[in-house]
Amino acid sequence: MPRVGTKRSDRRWRAPDGSEWASKFEWRVFQVLRDAGHNIRKCDERDTISYTEPKVNARCVACGSWECVQDRSYTPDLLLIPQGGDDSDGYFIEVKGYFRREKRQLFRVMRNSRPDINLRLILEADHWVTKGKTRMTDYARRYLKTTPTHVWDGDIPEDWK
């Protein structure tokens, strides 16, 4: 069960079964939900979400327009499928220990571009994201309005099941 990442900021972790996870917390959430009887799996290439990111002060060389976007892709952490359903009935879960500023911005752009995606956010703790003014749940309520957010307490909320 050692860490895979070689840098201090790299939290990748190898589970006892040999699979590689982004963090030990992500693996722990997966294990708890699977052991509770939920139909859950780790997301892979087939679950990648395509979205566009607006570019500021960029000009298109072909048409001269100042309204430019860049195509991006995002792969969530987990897919939870309701009992008796298939992949299309399920919803994505993004698991975050500490949600760094750069990742919050990326996630916010993706959610603004693709509000149609059924995505939920599980946080390890309700960390401060500004200097004593905003907690992560407040940030999610303000900027990620279409994203249900839950601070991990060992299970998912009843209305997610």
Protein backbone atom coordinates (compact mmCIF):
# COMPACT_ATOMS: atom_id res chain seq x y z
CA MET A 1 0.00 0.00 0.00
CA PRO A 2 2.78 2.47 -0.79
CA ARG A 3 2.54 5.85 -2.43
CA VAL A 4 3.37 5.77 -6.11
CA GLY A 5 4.14 9.45 -6.61
CA THR A 6 7.75 10.56 -6.24
CA LYS A 7 7.05 14.24 -5.58
CA ARG A 8 5.70 15.54 -2.32
CA SER A 9 2.58 16.95 -4.01
CA ASP A 10 1.87 13.73 -5.92
CA ARG A 11 -0.64 11.77 -3.83
CA ARG A 12 -1.02 8.78 -6.18
CA TRP A 13 -1.33 5.59 -4.22
CA ARG A 14 -1.25 1.86 -4.94
CA ALA A 15 -4.03 -0.22 -3.37
CA PRO A 16 -3.44 -3.72 -1.97
CA ASP A 17 -4.91 -5.24 -5.16
CA GLY A 18 -2.29 -3.41 -7.28
CA SER A 19 -4.62 -0.77 -8.75
CA GLU A 20 -3.41 2.83 -8.82
CA TRP A 21 -5.55 5.64 -7.37
CA ALA A 22 -5.20 9.41 -7.31
CA SER A 23 -5.17 9.35 -3.50
CA LYS A 24 -5.69 7.08 -0.55
CA PHE A 25 -8.92 8.96 0.26
CA GLU A 26 -10.34 8.25 -3.22
CA TRP A 27 -9.60 4.55 -2.79
CA ARG A 28 -11.13 4.55 0.71
CA VAL A 29 -14.38 6.16 -0.57
CA PHE A 30 -14.53 3.56 -3.36
CA GLN A 31 -13.99 0.69 -0.90
CA VAL A 32 -16.61 1.91 1.58
CA LEU A 33 -19.27 2.45 -1.09
CA ARG A 34 -18.53 -0.89 -2.77
CA ASP A 35 -18.63 -2.72 0.57
CA ALA A 36 -21.96 -1.01 1.36
CA GLY A 37 -23.43 -2.70 -1.72
CA HIS A 38 -23.36 0.18 -4.19
CA ASN A 39 -22.65 -0.57 -7.84
CA ILE A 40 -19.58 1.63 -8.27
CA ARG A 41 -16.53 1.65 -10.50
CA LYS A 42 -13.46 3.75 -11.16
CA CYS A 43 -13.84 5.99 -14.23
CA ASP A 44 -11.68 5.44 -17.30
CA GLU A 45 -11.34 6.77 -20.86
CA ARG A 46 -14.95 5.96 -21.79
CA ASP A 47 -16.16 8.33 -19.06
CA THR A 48 -14.17 11.34 -20.25
CA ILE A 49 -16.21 14.56 -20.42
CA SER A 50 -15.47 16.98 -23.26
CA TYR A 51 -15.95 20.69 -22.58
CA THR A 52 -14.74 24.07 -23.82
CA GLU A 53 -12.77 26.66 -21.89
CA PRO A 54 -13.12 30.33 -22.92
CA LYS A 55 -9.75 31.98 -23.57
CA VAL A 56 -9.22 35.57 -22.46
CA ASN A 57 -7.35 37.97 -24.78
CA ALA A 58 -7.05 35.34 -27.51
CA ARG A 59 -7.68 36.09 -31.17
CA CYS A 60 -8.52 33.56 -33.85
CA VAL A 61 -5.94 33.73 -36.65
CA ALA A 62 -8.44 32.35 -39.18
CA CYS A 63 -11.34 34.79 -38.67
CA GLY A 64 -9.94 37.48 -36.36
CA SER A 65 -12.59 36.92 -33.69
CA TRP A 66 -11.72 37.72 -30.07
CA GLU A 67 -14.19 35.14 -28.76
CA CYS A 68 -12.11 31.96 -28.63
CA VAL A 69 -12.43 28.70 -26.75
CA GLN A 70 -10.15 25.73 -26.20
CA ASP A 71 -11.37 22.13 -26.29
CA ARG A 72 -10.62 20.27 -23.05
CA SER A 73 -11.46 16.94 -21.47
CA TYR A 74 -12.02 15.85 -17.88
CA THR A 75 -12.23 12.37 -16.36
CA PRO A 76 -14.12 12.14 -13.05
CA ASP A 77 -13.04 9.75 -10.30
CA LEU A 78 -15.95 7.34 -9.81
CA LEU A 79 -19.23 6.31 -11.44
CA LEU A 80 -22.06 5.15 -9.15
CA ILE A 81 -24.81 3.19 -10.92
CA PRO A 82 -28.21 2.82 -9.20
CA GLN A 83 -29.53 -0.67 -8.50
CA GLY A 84 -31.00 -2.18 -11.66
CA GLY A 85 -29.62 0.58 -13.89
CA ASP A 86 -26.83 0.84 -16.41
CA ASP A 87 -23.98 3.33 -16.97
CA SER A 88 -26.31 5.93 -18.51
CA ASP A 89 -28.47 5.97 -15.34
CA GLY A 90 -25.49 6.56 -13.06
CA TYR A 91 -23.79 9.69 -11.84
CA PHE A 92 -20.18 10.72 -11.53
CA ILE A 93 -18.49 11.36 -8.20
CA GLU A 94 -15.43 13.58 -7.85
CA VAL A 95 -13.51 12.87 -4.64
CA LYS A 96 -11.28 15.61 -3.23
CA GLY A 97 -9.08 15.73 -0.18
CA TYR A 98 -7.90 19.33 -0.50
CA PHE A 99 -9.30 21.19 -3.49
CA ARG A 100 -6.46 23.44 -4.68
CA ARG A 101 -7.17 26.77 -6.34
CA GLU A 102 -6.10 25.66 -9.83
CA LYS A 103 -8.27 22.55 -9.64
CA ARG A 104 -11.25 24.56 -8.33
CA GLN A 105 -10.94 26.91 -11.30
CA LEU A 106 -10.69 24.03 -13.77
CA PHE A 107 -13.67 22.29 -12.16
CA ARG A 108 -15.70 25.52 -12.20
CA VAL A 109 -15.02 26.11 -15.92
CA MET A 110 -15.97 22.51 -16.70
CA ARG A 111 -19.22 22.79 -14.69
CA ASN A 112 -20.13 26.09 -16.38
CA SER A 113 -19.48 24.58 -19.79
CA ARG A 114 -21.29 21.28 -19.09
CA PRO A 115 -24.07 21.75 -16.48
CA ASP A 116 -25.90 18.78 -18.09
CA ILE A 117 -23.44 16.25 -16.62
CA ASN A 118 -24.71 14.52 -13.47
CA LEU A 119 -21.71 15.07 -11.19
CA ARG A 120 -21.43 15.04 -7.38
CA LEU A 121 -18.57 16.23 -5.19
CA ILE A 122 -17.34 14.44 -2.05
CA LEU A 123 -14.92 16.35 0.18
CA GLU A 124 -12.68 14.84 2.83
CA ALA A 125 -13.16 17.88 5.08
CA ASP A 126 -14.70 21.33 4.90
CA HIS A 127 -11.37 23.14 4.37
CA TRP A 128 -10.94 26.89 4.24
CA VAL A 129 -10.39 28.05 0.65
CA THR A 130 -9.75 31.70 1.48
CA LYS A 131 -8.08 33.26 4.48
CA GLY A 132 -10.78 32.66 7.05
CA LYS A 133 -13.74 33.79 4.94
CA THR A 134 -14.96 30.89 2.79
CA ARG A 135 -15.11 27.18 3.41
CA MET A 136 -15.27 24.64 0.60
CA THR A 137 -19.01 24.00 1.10
CA ASP A 138 -19.65 27.77 0.85
CA TYR A 139 -17.56 27.90 -2.33
CA ALA A 140 -19.52 25.00 -3.84
CA ARG A 141 -22.85 26.62 -2.93
CA ARG A 142 -21.77 29.91 -4.50
CA TYR A 143 -19.91 28.80 -7.64
CA LEU A 144 -20.88 25.18 -8.29
CA LYS A 145 -24.64 25.59 -7.95
CA THR A 146 -25.48 22.53 -10.08
CA THR A 147 -23.06 20.27 -8.19
CA PRO A 148 -24.37 18.53 -5.04
CA THR A 149 -21.57 18.59 -2.47
CA HIS A 150 -21.09 16.37 0.57
CA VAL A 151 -18.43 16.30 3.30
CA TRP A 152 -17.47 12.63 3.75
CA ASP A 153 -18.88 11.02 6.88
CA GLY A 154 -18.58 7.37 5.82
CA ASP A 155 -21.53 7.19 3.41
CA ILE A 156 -23.30 9.20 0.72
CA PRO A 157 -26.46 11.19 1.53
CA GLU A 158 -29.79 9.36 1.29
CA ASP A 159 -31.01 11.51 -1.62
CA TRP A 160 -27.97 10.40 -3.71
CA LYS A 161 -28.86 6.70 -3.44
